Amino acid sequence: RDQLKERMAPPAFVGLREMLRAVVQRDVLRACKQSGWLVLVLDEGASRVLTPILGMYDLMEEGVTLVESLEKKRQPFPEFDVIYVVETASIRKVIGDWNNKLDYPYRNAHVFTLSSLSDDDVADLGATSELAKRLKTLSELNLDFLAVESQAYSLGAPSAFSTPSGASSPSLSADEKDAARRFATVVATLGETAPIFRYRSERARTFAEESKALAKAMTPKGAKSSKKGERGHKRPPATVLIVDRADDPLSPLLHEYTYQAMVQDMLEVDGECRDRVTTTTATKGGETKEEVTLLNEKDALWVEFRHVHVATVVDELRKRVSDFLTHNAGATKLARGAGGELSLGEMSAALKKMPEFQAATAAMNKHMGIAGDCLGRFQMWKVLETSQLEQTLATGVDDDGEKVTSPRTLLNEVCELLAGILAQSQSPSQKEHVMRLVAIYFVARGGKLAEKERNQILEALEPSSAHREALLALSRLMAAQDEGKVPAMVQAQRLAPIVASIAGKKTHAQRPREKKGIELLRPPLRHPLRREVRRSRRRRRRRRRGRRLLALH
């Protein structure tokens, strides 16, 4: 078993996706390349892991001539070696390929698993004489997670943490144990031999201990963690922060105005890595056409703009397209004919009319369409009004910078906004955005939410039975937290002065403040938004003054 676990040291960190690509190319494809052309067989789990990091061209460069699914019936290729990359649960299906004693499906077999094999799995592989004779490689990759971005990963288990941390038992469910195993493969892949785990609740402690033990078992004996950081300086062990959703239930509900957040909120996004965006465009015949766009780190504009405020993205795209049109004689004539300043849709149409420049402008055209769809739905669903009220609920300060002292005023504002929005549209997407507003209200009010107040806001929302139960569960969780049964934000308040001292700023607790008013969670969210609004207004005023001067000239 020790020989099966031995692996080369992980490559230097250049991003999770590149790291996984390097591991698969080095330890799987190139290790088997001397056997000639290869057949790659993946189960469903391995396909989810490898598809985002390796394309068909990459596989062909490494000698793979065919990629097949383990779950489907396959044609035998006795002249080729086969590489199996599978989850441990699929080992029985691999053995099933070799149960036919009359003929071998492949010349030789190389088996790689995404996580550690059990002793029973290894024994079953050895008991299959046909496979044992042809088995050339058996290795554990420890790659059972999704590399969503260069610095973001997912365990691919959305139902794992459905139990709140206030549960009576500290033991983990089956899904949570599976998530701990997957997280252990993240630790092992990064080459962290002794990470430091930080947690608060007993369930988080159990998760940390489970992950730490599994990661230690996956690490080859005698392996040393890479201690060199940037510029060759030594770095300390990695720190793992296990944060419960009860620690900050508000932030995930708030609307953000960054480009990536707007795409996730406003458009239809799917895919294992949440990177396939579906947009709808109108054709000349009046029909609609759906287009699927892949937004990942191969798109340079996406990498540049994804964490930028959407208003800045739109301005920058307009500037770049305007510069392009200015330097093209035909485009300049088209722009002047339209009055000089074009909208996003007009700019996109102008680029499409110039097929000779489609290769150079395809990326800008794509993002202008996506940004335009985001802003269109943003206005249609009245997300601006919703998000402004969200900011008031989150900070306890209104648009004029005045402290909100009347809970009844907030309740009336929320109910009036719900009635106005739902009177115009009852679409599922519209309902989702106002559901978030109600959830934010429940979180902000915490244990002070009276039953009459809760019923009034639910009557205005008219949620489905499932959504109603989810909101009531959130309200109960916040009430239990305020009573001290779920110790989350109390600890966060104790940590606030420490964090503030590091940043050189005073906390709210260190500033003189009035004791009147409702106590709401007050993250520093208002000021960056207000600065962005002021900048946008100044830009509009400058543009208007510029147009007036041109008209006078």
Protein backbone atom coordinates (compact mmCIF):
# COMPACT_ATOMS: atom_id res chain seq x y z
CA ARG A 1 0.00 0.00 0.00
CA ASP A 2 2.86 2.40 0.71
CA GLN A 3 4.14 1.93 -2.82
CA LEU A 4 0.68 2.59 -4.24
CA LYS A 5 0.47 5.88 -2.31
CA GLU A 6 3.85 7.24 -3.31
CA ARG A 7 3.60 10.29 -5.52
CA MET A 8 5.89 13.03 -6.66
CA ALA A 9 5.80 16.36 -4.83
CA PRO A 10 3.02 18.69 -6.03
CA PRO A 11 4.07 21.43 -8.46
CA ALA A 12 4.49 25.06 -7.41
CA PHE A 13 1.16 26.82 -6.94
CA VAL A 14 0.14 28.62 -10.12
CA GLY A 15 -3.60 28.33 -9.57
CA LEU A 16 -5.77 25.33 -8.77
CA ARG A 17 -6.72 24.60 -12.36
CA GLU A 18 -3.15 24.69 -13.60
CA MET A 19 -2.04 22.61 -10.64
CA LEU A 20 -4.64 19.92 -11.37
CA ARG A 21 -3.75 19.98 -15.05
CA ALA A 22 -0.06 19.48 -14.19
CA VAL A 23 -0.83 16.58 -11.84
CA VAL A 24 -3.01 14.77 -14.39
CA GLN A 25 -0.57 15.33 -17.24
CA ARG A 26 2.48 14.27 -15.21
CA ASP A 27 1.14 11.46 -13.03
CA VAL A 28 -1.49 9.99 -15.37
CA LEU A 29 -1.07 10.74 -19.06
CA ARG A 30 2.70 11.04 -19.42
CA ALA A 31 3.34 8.18 -17.00
CA CYS A 32 1.42 5.88 -19.37
CA LYS A 33 2.42 7.52 -22.67
CA GLN A 34 5.21 5.03 -23.45
CA SER A 35 2.50 2.42 -24.07
CA GLY A 36 1.48 4.13 -27.33
CA TRP A 37 -2.01 5.39 -28.11
CA LEU A 38 -4.37 5.27 -25.14
CA VAL A 39 -8.09 4.95 -24.41
CA LEU A 40 -9.29 7.14 -21.51
CA VAL A 41 -12.33 5.86 -19.58
CA LEU A 42 -13.97 8.21 -17.04
CA ASP A 43 -16.88 7.72 -14.71
CA GLU A 44 -19.34 10.56 -14.04
CA GLY A 45 -17.39 11.94 -11.05
CA ALA A 46 -14.03 11.95 -12.85
CA SER A 47 -15.60 13.59 -15.88
CA ARG A 48 -16.81 16.48 -13.69
CA VAL A 49 -13.31 16.92 -12.26
CA LEU A 50 -11.27 16.65 -15.48
CA THR A 51 -13.52 18.33 -18.07
CA PRO A 52 -12.92 21.92 -16.81
CA ILE A 53 -9.12 21.52 -16.82
CA LEU A 54 -8.38 19.39 -19.90
CA GLY A 55 -9.74 19.71 -23.42
CA MET A 56 -9.74 17.12 -26.19
CA TYR A 57 -6.75 18.80 -27.84
CA ASP A 58 -4.75 18.53 -24.60
CA LEU A 59 -5.60 14.83 -24.36
CA MET A 60 -4.62 14.12 -27.97
CA GLU A 61 -1.28 15.84 -27.38
CA GLU A 62 -0.67 13.31 -24.59
CA GLY A 63 -1.51 10.30 -26.75
CA VAL A 64 -5.22 9.79 -25.92
CA THR A 65 -7.12 8.73 -29.03
CA LEU A 66 -10.54 8.07 -27.48
CA VAL A 67 -12.47 9.20 -24.38
CA GLU A 68 -15.36 7.03 -23.19
CA SER A 69 -17.81 6.83 -20.30
CA LEU A 70 -17.51 3.99 -17.80
CA GLU A 71 -21.28 3.87 -17.36
CA LYS A 72 -21.92 3.15 -21.06
CA LYS A 73 -21.36 -0.01 -23.06
CA ARG A 74 -18.04 0.21 -24.92
CA GLN A 75 -16.34 -1.48 -27.83
CA PRO A 76 -13.20 -3.48 -26.84
CA PHE A 77 -9.81 -2.25 -28.10
CA PRO A 78 -7.36 -5.08 -27.34
CA GLU A 79 -4.58 -3.27 -29.25
CA PHE A 80 -4.64 -0.20 -26.94
CA ASP A 81 -3.87 0.38 -23.27
CA VAL A 82 -6.68 1.86 -21.19
CA ILE A 83 -6.51 4.52 -18.47
CA TYR A 84 -9.32 4.42 -15.93
CA VAL A 85 -9.85 7.59 -13.86
CA VAL A 86 -12.74 6.90 -11.50
CA GLU A 87 -14.21 7.49 -8.07
CA THR A 88 -13.64 4.71 -5.56
CA ALA A 89 -17.34 3.81 -5.75
CA SER A 90 -16.85 2.83 -9.42
CA ILE A 91 -14.13 0.20 -8.81
CA ARG A 92 -16.70 -2.61 -9.18
CA LYS A 93 -17.57 -1.36 -12.67
CA VAL A 94 -13.87 -1.36 -13.63
CA ILE A 95 -13.61 -4.97 -12.43
CA GLY A 96 -16.75 -5.80 -14.45
CA ASP A 97 -14.91 -4.85 -17.68
CA TRP A 98 -12.50 -7.75 -17.11
CA ASN A 99 -14.85 -10.52 -16.01
CA ASN A 100 -15.01 -11.98 -19.53
CA LYS A 101 -12.46 -14.82 -19.52
CA LEU A 102 -12.63 -15.31 -23.30
CA ASP A 103 -11.09 -12.01 -24.34
CA TYR A 104 -9.41 -8.95 -22.86
CA PRO A 105 -11.15 -5.61 -23.56
CA TYR A 106 -7.79 -3.75 -23.61
CA ARG A 107 -4.12 -4.62 -23.87
CA ASN A 108 -3.15 -3.31 -20.40
CA ALA A 109 -4.93 -1.34 -17.67
CA HIS A 110 -3.84 1.73 -15.70
CA VAL A 111 -6.26 2.51 -12.86
CA PHE A 112 -6.32 5.90 -11.09
CA THR A 113 -8.80 6.80 -8.36
CA LEU A 114 -9.80 10.31 -7.27
CA SER A 115 -9.45 9.44 -3.57
CA SER A 116 -8.03 6.68 -1.37
CA LEU A 117 -8.96 3.04 -1.96
CA SER A 118 -10.09 0.85 0.90
CA ASP A 119 -8.39 -2.46 1.69
CA ASP A 120 -11.45 -4.30 0.36
CA ASP A 121 -11.21 -2.47 -2.98
CA VAL A 122 -7.55 -3.41 -3.37
CA ALA A 123 -8.36 -7.03 -2.46
CA ASP A 124 -11.15 -7.17 -5.06
CA LEU A 125 -8.82 -5.82 -7.76
CA GLY A 126 -6.25 -8.50 -6.92
CA ALA A 127 -8.89 -11.24 -6.87
CA THR A 128 -9.83 -10.57 -10.52
CA SER A 129 -7.16 -12.66 -12.22
CA GLU A 130 -7.74 -11.27 -15.72
CA LEU A 131 -7.35 -7.67 -14.50
CA ALA A 132 -4.48 -8.52 -12.16
CA LYS A 133 -2.47 -9.95 -15.07
CA ARG A 134 -2.92 -6.79 -17.15
CA LEU A 135 -2.84 -4.17 -14.38
CA LYS A 136 0.25 -2.02 -14.92
CA THR A 137 -0.63 0.99 -12.72
CA LEU A 138 -2.75 1.48 -9.60
CA SER A 139 -2.55 4.93 -8.04
CA GLU A 140 -4.58 7.33 -5.87
CA LEU A 141 -4.69 10.87 -7.28
CA ASN A 142 -6.46 12.62 -4.37
CA LEU A 143 -8.25 15.02 -6.72
CA ASP A 144 -11.87 14.57 -5.67
CA PHE A 145 -12.95 18.23 -5.95
CA LEU A 146 -13.83 20.76 -8.64
CA ALA A 147 -11.34 23.51 -9.53
CA VAL A 148 -13.91 26.24 -10.23
CA GLU A 149 -11.31 28.99 -10.72
CA SER A 150 -7.59 29.44 -10.20
CA GLN A 151 -8.22 30.34 -6.56
CA ALA A 152 -11.62 28.79 -5.91
CA TYR A 153 -12.79 25.21 -5.54
CA SER A 154 -16.01 23.36 -4.85
CA LEU A 155 -16.55 20.02 -3.14
CA GLY A 156 -19.37 19.24 -5.55
CA ALA A 157 -21.72 18.35 -2.68
CA PRO A 158 -24.45 21.03 -2.51
CA SER A 159 -26.56 19.10 0.04
CA ALA A 160 -23.70 18.41 2.46
CA PHE A 161 -24.23 21.36 4.80
CA SER A 162 -28.02 21.57 4.93
CA THR A 163 -28.01 20.93 8.71
CA PRO A 164 -27.49 24.15 10.73
CA SER A 165 -24.70 24.28 13.29
CA GLY A 166 -27.22 24.46 16.10
CA ALA A 167 -28.08 20.78 15.68
CA SER A 168 -28.11 18.82 18.91
CA SER A 169 -25.57 16.23 17.78
CA PRO A 170 -21.97 17.17 16.89
CA SER A 171 -21.61 14.08 14.70
CA LEU A 172 -21.52 14.44 10.92
CA SER A 173 -24.09 13.14 8.48
CA ALA A 174 -23.11 10.84 5.60
CA ASP A 175 -23.02 13.79 3.19
CA GLU A 176 -20.83 15.81 5.56
CA LYS A 177 -18.41 12.90 5.95
CA ASP A 178 -18.18 12.69 2.17
CA ALA A 179 -17.49 16.44 2.04
CA ALA A 180 -14.75 16.00 4.67
CA ARG A 181 -13.16 13.30 2.52
CA ARG A 182 -13.27 15.52 -0.55
CA PHE A 183 -11.79 18.43 1.37
CA ALA A 184 -8.97 16.16 2.53
CA THR A 185 -8.04 15.66 -1.13
CA VAL A 186 -7.78 19.46 -1.49
CA VAL A 187 -5.33 19.59 1.42
CA ALA A 188 -3.32 16.67 0.02
CA THR A 189 -3.22 18.17 -3.49
CA LEU A 190 -1.88 21.47 -2.15
CA GLY A 191 0.89 19.56 -0.38
CA GLU A 192 -0.06 20.81 3.07
CA THR A 193 1.20 18.18 5.53
CA ALA A 194 0.20 19.99 8.73
CA PRO A 195 -2.43 22.69 8.12
CA ILE A 196 -3.85 24.65 11.05
CA PHE A 197 -7.64 24.33 11.42
CA ARG A 198 -9.67 27.16 12.96
CA TYR A 199 -13.32 26.59 13.89
CA ARG A 200 -15.98 27.58 16.40
CA SER A 201 -18.76 25.00 16.73
CA GLU A 202 -18.56 21.37 17.78
CA ARG A 203 -19.75 20.19 14.38
CA ALA A 204 -16.96 22.22 12.75
CA ARG A 205 -14.49 20.60 15.16
CA THR A 206 -15.70 17.15 14.09
CA PHE A 207 -15.39 18.11 10.43
CA ALA A 208 -11.86 19.45 10.98
CA GLU A 209 -10.71 16.31 12.81
CA GLU A 210 -12.18 14.06 10.12
CA SER A 211 -10.54 16.03 7.30
CA LYS A 212 -7.20 16.25 9.08
CA ALA A 213 -7.03 12.50 9.71
CA LEU A 214 -7.94 11.67 6.10
CA ALA A 215 -5.46 14.18 4.68
CA LYS A 216 -2.71 12.72 6.86
CA ALA A 217 -3.50 9.22 5.57
CA MET A 218 -3.32 10.49 1.96
CA THR A 219 0.09 12.10 2.44
CA PRO A 220 3.04 9.82 1.54
CA LYS A 221 5.30 8.93 4.46
CA GLY A 222 8.23 11.29 4.80
CA ALA A 223 6.65 13.96 2.56
CA LYS A 224 7.45 17.55 3.44
CA SER A 225 5.26 20.55 2.84
CA SER A 226 6.54 23.22 0.48
CA LYS A 227 7.65 26.01 2.81
CA LYS A 228 8.66 28.51 0.13
CA GLY A 229 6.30 31.29 -0.72
CA GLU A 230 6.76 34.30 -2.98
CA ARG A 231 10.39 35.30 -3.71
CA GLY A 232 11.65 32.19 -1.98
CA HIS A 233 10.67 33.34 1.52
CA LYS A 234 9.60 30.70 4.01
CA ARG A 235 5.91 30.61 4.76
CA PRO A 236 3.99 29.12 7.69
CA PRO A 237 1.57 26.19 7.33
CA ALA A 238 -1.74 26.92 5.66
CA THR A 239 -4.65 27.99 7.86
CA VAL A 240 -8.06 26.46 7.22
CA LEU A 241 -11.04 28.54 8.38
CA ILE A 242 -14.23 26.50 8.78
CA VAL A 243 -17.05 29.05 8.85
CA ASP A 244 -20.65 28.20 9.53
CA ARG A 245 -23.43 29.95 7.65
CA ALA A 246 -24.81 31.15 10.98
CA ASP A 247 -21.63 33.21 11.43
CA ASP A 248 -22.81 35.63 8.74
CA PRO A 249 -26.19 34.76 7.20
CA LEU A 250 -26.61 38.26 5.77
CA SER A 251 -23.77 38.68 3.26
CA PRO A 252 -24.77 35.78 0.93
CA LEU A 253 -28.25 37.31 0.58
CA LEU A 254 -27.22 40.86 -0.38
CA HIS A 255 -27.12 41.88 -4.03
CA GLU A 256 -23.67 42.83 -5.29
CA TYR A 257 -22.90 45.03 -8.30
CA THR A 258 -19.71 43.35 -9.46
CA TYR A 259 -19.85 41.87 -12.97
CA GLN A 260 -19.59 38.24 -11.86
CA ALA A 261 -22.23 38.67 -9.14
CA MET A 262 -24.59 40.37 -11.60
CA VAL A 263 -24.18 37.54 -14.10
CA GLN A 264 -24.94 34.94 -11.42
CA ASP A 265 -27.98 36.89 -10.15
CA MET A 266 -29.51 38.12 -13.40
CA LEU A 267 -28.81 35.43 -16.02
CA GLU A 268 -29.34 31.70 -16.35
CA VAL A 269 -26.09 30.06 -15.25
CA ASP A 270 -25.44 26.35 -15.03
CA GLY A 271 -22.61 23.84 -15.35
CA GLU A 272 -20.60 22.12 -12.65
CA CYS A 273 -18.39 25.21 -12.28
CA ARG A 274 -21.27 27.69 -12.77
CA ASP A 275 -19.61 29.06 -15.90
CA ARG A 276 -22.15 28.35 -18.69
CA VAL A 277 -24.33 31.41 -19.29
CA THR A 278 -27.50 31.23 -21.39
CA THR A 279 -28.63 34.46 -23.06
CA THR A 280 -31.63 35.11 -25.32
CA THR A 281 -31.38 37.29 -28.43
CA ALA A 282 -34.03 38.38 -30.92
CA THR A 283 -33.66 37.35 -34.57
CA LYS A 284 -34.77 39.30 -37.65
CA GLY A 285 -37.92 37.19 -37.95
CA GLY A 286 -39.07 38.23 -34.49
CA GLU A 287 -38.16 34.91 -32.93
CA THR A 288 -35.82 34.40 -29.96
CA LYS A 289 -32.57 32.48 -30.05
CA GLU A 290 -30.74 31.06 -27.06
CA GLU A 291 -26.95 31.22 -26.95
CA VAL A 292 -24.69 29.47 -24.43
CA THR A 293 -21.49 31.31 -23.50
CA LEU A 294 -18.62 29.87 -21.50
CA LEU A 295 -17.18 32.33 -18.96
CA ASN A 296 -13.96 30.92 -17.56
CA GLU A 297 -10.33 31.92 -17.14
CA LYS A 298 -9.54 31.34 -20.81
CA ASP A 299 -11.51 34.54 -21.44
CA ALA A 300 -9.10 37.43 -20.76
CA LEU A 301 -11.87 40.04 -20.54
CA TRP A 302 -13.79 37.93 -18.03
CA VAL A 303 -10.70 37.58 -15.83
CA GLU A 304 -10.13 41.34 -16.04
CA PHE A 305 -13.68 42.45 -15.32
CA ARG A 306 -15.34 39.74 -13.18
CA HIS A 307 -14.63 41.48 -9.83
CA VAL A 308 -15.19 45.03 -11.15
CA HIS A 309 -18.32 47.12 -10.57
CA VAL A 310 -20.68 46.56 -13.49
CA ALA A 311 -20.93 50.32 -14.20
CA THR A 312 -17.16 50.45 -14.65
CA VAL A 313 -17.33 47.40 -16.91
CA VAL A 314 -19.92 49.04 -19.15
CA ASP A 315 -17.94 52.30 -19.33
CA GLU A 316 -14.72 50.48 -20.14
CA LEU A 317 -16.37 48.36 -22.84
CA ARG A 318 -17.90 51.48 -24.40
CA LYS A 319 -14.52 53.18 -24.36
CA ARG A 320 -12.73 50.26 -26.00
CA VAL A 321 -15.38 49.80 -28.68
CA SER A 322 -15.44 53.54 -29.32
CA ASP A 323 -11.67 53.53 -29.73
CA PHE A 324 -11.95 50.62 -32.15
CA LEU A 325 -14.69 52.28 -34.17
CA THR A 326 -12.75 55.56 -34.24
CA HIS A 327 -9.73 53.90 -35.79
CA ASN A 328 -11.83 52.26 -38.51
CA ALA A 329 -13.01 54.51 -41.32
CA GLY A 330 -16.25 52.65 -42.08
CA ALA A 331 -17.11 52.35 -38.42
CA THR A 332 -16.48 56.06 -37.85
CA LYS A 333 -19.00 56.92 -40.55
CA LEU A 334 -21.53 54.56 -38.96
CA ALA A 335 -20.99 56.12 -35.53
CA ARG A 336 -21.42 59.67 -36.83
CA GLY A 337 -24.60 58.68 -38.62
CA ALA A 338 -26.00 57.43 -35.31
CA GLY A 339 -25.23 60.66 -33.53
CA GLY A 340 -21.79 60.01 -32.11
CA GLU A 341 -22.45 58.17 -28.83
CA LEU A 342 -23.81 54.66 -29.25
CA SER A 343 -25.58 52.44 -26.77
CA LEU A 344 -24.29 48.95 -25.95
CA GLY A 345 -26.79 47.38 -28.33
CA GLU A 346 -25.89 49.78 -31.16
CA MET A 347 -22.18 49.18 -30.65
CA SER A 348 -22.75 45.42 -30.71
CA ALA A 349 -24.77 45.74 -33.94
CA ALA A 350 -22.05 47.92 -35.47
CA LEU A 351 -19.39 45.31 -34.77
CA LYS A 352 -21.55 42.55 -36.26
CA LYS A 353 -21.82 44.54 -39.51
CA MET A 354 -18.05 44.37 -39.92
CA PRO A 355 -17.30 40.67 -40.50
CA GLU A 356 -13.66 41.42 -41.33
CA PHE A 357 -13.12 42.43 -37.69
CA GLN A 358 -15.21 39.71 -36.04
CA ALA A 359 -12.18 37.79 -34.75
CA ALA A 360 -10.78 40.91 -33.08
CA THR A 361 -14.10 42.10 -31.64
CA ALA A 362 -15.79 38.80 -30.77
CA ALA A 363 -14.84 38.97 -27.08
CA MET A 364 -15.96 42.60 -26.68
CA ASN A 365 -19.18 41.88 -28.55
CA LYS A 366 -19.89 38.90 -26.28
CA HIS A 367 -19.39 40.85 -23.07
CA MET A 368 -21.38 43.85 -24.32
CA GLY A 369 -24.30 41.51 -24.92
CA ILE A 370 -23.97 39.88 -21.49
CA ALA A 371 -23.57 43.20 -19.66
CA GLY A 372 -26.54 44.63 -21.57
CA ASP A 373 -28.72 41.63 -20.59
CA CYS A 374 -27.68 42.02 -16.95
CA LEU A 375 -28.60 45.70 -16.86
CA GLY A 376 -31.86 45.08 -18.73
CA ARG A 377 -33.05 42.53 -16.19
CA PHE A 378 -31.67 44.66 -13.35
CA GLN A 379 -34.04 47.45 -14.40
CA MET A 380 -36.97 45.17 -15.29
CA TRP A 381 -36.91 43.40 -11.92
CA LYS A 382 -36.38 46.70 -10.00
CA VAL A 383 -33.29 45.30 -8.30
CA LEU A 384 -31.94 48.82 -7.70
CA GLU A 385 -34.86 49.69 -5.42
CA THR A 386 -34.60 46.29 -3.73
CA SER A 387 -30.86 46.54 -3.14
CA GLN A 388 -31.15 50.09 -1.75
CA LEU A 389 -33.61 48.85 0.86
CA GLU A 390 -31.29 45.89 1.53
CA GLN A 391 -28.53 48.37 2.36
CA THR A 392 -30.80 50.17 4.81
CA LEU A 393 -31.69 46.88 6.50
CA ALA A 394 -28.06 45.76 6.63
CA THR A 395 -26.59 48.99 7.97
CA GLY A 396 -29.50 50.56 9.88
CA VAL A 397 -28.84 53.81 7.99
CA ASP A 398 -31.16 55.28 5.35
CA ASP A 399 -30.24 56.90 2.01
CA ASP A 400 -29.66 60.27 3.71
CA GLY A 401 -27.20 58.79 6.19
CA GLU A 402 -29.67 59.02 9.07
CA LYS A 403 -30.03 56.21 11.58
CA VAL A 404 -33.31 54.29 11.30
CA THR A 405 -35.03 54.33 14.69
CA SER A 406 -38.46 52.90 13.84
CA PRO A 407 -38.85 49.20 13.01
CA ARG A 408 -42.39 49.96 11.83
CA THR A 409 -41.03 52.29 9.15
CA LEU A 410 -38.80 49.54 7.76
CA LEU A 411 -41.66 47.05 7.81
CA ASN A 412 -43.92 49.40 5.86
CA GLU A 413 -41.19 50.13 3.29
CA VAL A 414 -40.57 46.42 2.72
CA CYS A 415 -44.28 45.61 2.37
CA GLU A 416 -44.89 48.53 -0.01
CA LEU A 417 -41.95 47.54 -2.19
CA LEU A 418 -43.10 43.91 -2.27
CA ALA A 419 -46.61 44.92 -3.28
CA GLY A 420 -45.37 47.24 -6.03
CA ILE A 421 -42.92 44.73 -7.55
CA LEU A 422 -45.20 41.65 -7.38
CA ALA A 423 -48.10 43.62 -8.87
CA GLN A 424 -46.05 43.98 -12.05
CA SER A 425 -44.61 40.47 -12.28
CA GLN A 426 -44.93 37.13 -10.50
CA SER A 427 -42.15 35.40 -12.46
CA PRO A 428 -39.94 32.91 -10.57
CA SER A 429 -36.87 35.10 -11.12
CA GLN A 430 -38.69 38.17 -9.80
CA LYS A 431 -39.92 36.18 -6.81
CA GLU A 432 -36.40 35.04 -6.00
CA HIS A 433 -35.09 38.59 -5.67
CA VAL A 434 -37.88 39.74 -3.36
CA MET A 435 -37.48 36.51 -1.35
CA ARG A 436 -33.92 37.59 -0.65
CA LEU A 437 -35.19 40.96 0.59
CA VAL A 438 -37.55 39.27 3.05
CA ALA A 439 -34.78 36.93 4.23
CA ILE A 440 -32.53 39.95 4.83
CA TYR A 441 -35.31 41.59 6.85
CA PHE A 442 -35.65 38.46 9.01
CA VAL A 443 -31.88 38.32 9.57
CA ALA A 444 -31.63 42.03 10.38
CA ARG A 445 -34.46 41.90 12.87
CA GLY A 446 -33.15 38.68 14.46
CA GLY A 447 -34.90 37.57 17.61
CA LYS A 448 -36.90 40.84 17.81
CA LEU A 449 -39.23 39.78 14.98
CA ALA A 450 -42.77 39.55 16.37
CA GLU A 451 -45.24 36.98 15.03
CA LYS A 452 -47.64 39.69 13.81
CA GLU A 453 -44.80 41.44 12.00
CA ARG A 454 -43.68 38.17 10.40
CA ASN A 455 -47.20 37.28 9.24
CA GLN A 456 -47.70 40.73 7.71
CA ILE A 457 -44.58 40.48 5.57
CA LEU A 458 -45.35 36.90 4.52
CA GLU A 459 -48.85 37.95 3.44
CA ALA A 460 -47.32 40.64 1.24
CA LEU A 461 -44.85 38.15 -0.26
CA GLU A 462 -47.30 35.24 -0.78
CA PRO A 463 -44.52 32.60 -0.93
CA SER A 464 -44.95 28.95 -1.82
CA SER A 465 -45.20 26.47 1.05
CA ALA A 466 -41.54 25.43 0.61
CA HIS A 467 -40.31 29.04 0.56
CA ARG A 468 -42.53 29.93 3.52
CA GLU A 469 -41.06 27.10 5.58
CA ALA A 470 -37.51 28.14 4.60
CA LEU A 471 -38.15 31.73 5.76
CA LEU A 472 -39.72 30.55 9.01
CA ALA A 473 -36.73 28.27 9.63
CA LEU A 474 -34.40 31.24 9.06
CA SER A 475 -36.42 33.31 11.52
CA ARG A 476 -36.22 30.55 14.15
CA LEU A 477 -32.46 30.23 13.60
CA MET A 478 -31.91 33.96 14.13
CA ALA A 479 -34.09 33.92 17.27
CA ALA A 480 -32.15 30.96 18.67
CA GLN A 481 -28.90 32.74 17.88
CA ASP A 482 -30.00 35.85 19.76
CA GLU A 483 -30.88 33.68 22.76
CA GLY A 484 -27.35 32.29 22.81
CA LYS A 485 -28.24 28.80 21.58
CA VAL A 486 -26.25 29.37 18.39
CA PRO A 487 -23.10 31.29 19.46
CA ALA A 488 -22.03 32.91 16.22
CA MET A 489 -22.06 36.69 15.99
CA VAL A 490 -21.13 37.18 19.65
CA GLN A 491 -17.72 35.75 18.88
CA ALA A 492 -17.55 37.84 15.69
CA GLN A 493 -18.13 41.01 17.76
CA ARG A 494 -15.30 39.99 20.09
CA LEU A 495 -12.99 39.55 17.11
CA ALA A 496 -13.95 42.90 15.57
CA PRO A 497 -11.61 45.08 17.71
CA ILE A 498 -8.69 42.76 16.90
CA VAL A 499 -9.35 42.92 13.16
CA ALA A 500 -9.88 46.67 13.34
CA SER A 501 -6.61 47.19 15.22
CA ILE A 502 -4.78 45.34 12.46
CA ALA A 503 -6.43 47.57 9.86
CA GLY A 504 -5.77 50.68 11.94
CA LYS A 505 -9.45 51.57 12.27
CA LYS A 506 -11.88 51.95 15.14
CA THR A 507 -14.86 49.65 15.46
CA HIS A 508 -18.44 50.70 16.12
CA ALA A 509 -17.96 49.57 19.73
CA GLN A 510 -15.06 52.02 20.12
CA ARG A 511 -16.99 54.98 18.68
CA PRO A 512 -19.52 57.03 20.64
CA ARG A 513 -23.02 56.19 19.44
CA GLU A 514 -26.63 56.58 20.45
CA LYS A 515 -28.29 53.72 22.29
CA LYS A 516 -31.65 54.42 20.68
CA GLY A 517 -32.91 52.60 17.63
CA ILE A 518 -33.06 49.02 16.52
CA GLU A 519 -29.90 46.95 16.68
CA LEU A 520 -29.07 45.75 13.19
CA LEU A 521 -26.02 44.03 11.77
CA ARG A 522 -23.81 46.80 10.43
CA PRO A 523 -21.21 45.65 7.93
CA PRO A 524 -19.39 48.53 6.16
CA LEU A 525 -21.40 48.21 2.95
CA ARG A 526 -23.00 51.61 2.46
CA HIS A 527 -19.98 53.80 1.80
CA PRO A 528 -18.39 51.96 -1.18
CA LEU A 529 -21.80 51.90 -2.89
CA ARG A 530 -22.40 55.59 -2.27
CA ARG A 531 -18.94 56.47 -3.61
CA GLU A 532 -19.68 54.50 -6.77
CA VAL A 533 -23.03 56.27 -7.20
CA ARG A 534 -21.35 59.69 -6.80
CA ARG A 535 -18.70 58.77 -9.37
CA SER A 536 -21.38 57.64 -11.80
CA ARG A 537 -23.27 60.92 -11.33
CA ARG A 538 -20.10 62.96 -11.87
CA ARG A 539 -19.38 61.03 -15.09
CA ARG A 540 -22.92 61.70 -16.35
CA ARG A 541 -22.61 65.40 -15.55
CA ARG A 542 -19.28 65.60 -17.39
CA ARG A 543 -20.79 63.88 -20.43
CA ARG A 544 -23.77 66.26 -20.45
CA ARG A 545 -21.47 69.30 -20.20
CA GLY A 546 -19.36 67.88 -23.03
CA ARG A 547 -22.41 67.44 -25.27
CA ARG A 548 -23.55 71.00 -24.55
CA LEU A 549 -20.13 72.39 -25.41
CA LEU A 550 -20.08 70.43 -28.68
CA ALA A 551 -23.55 71.72 -29.53
CA LEU A 552 -22.49 75.30 -28.85
CA HIS A 553 -19.31 74.80 -30.87
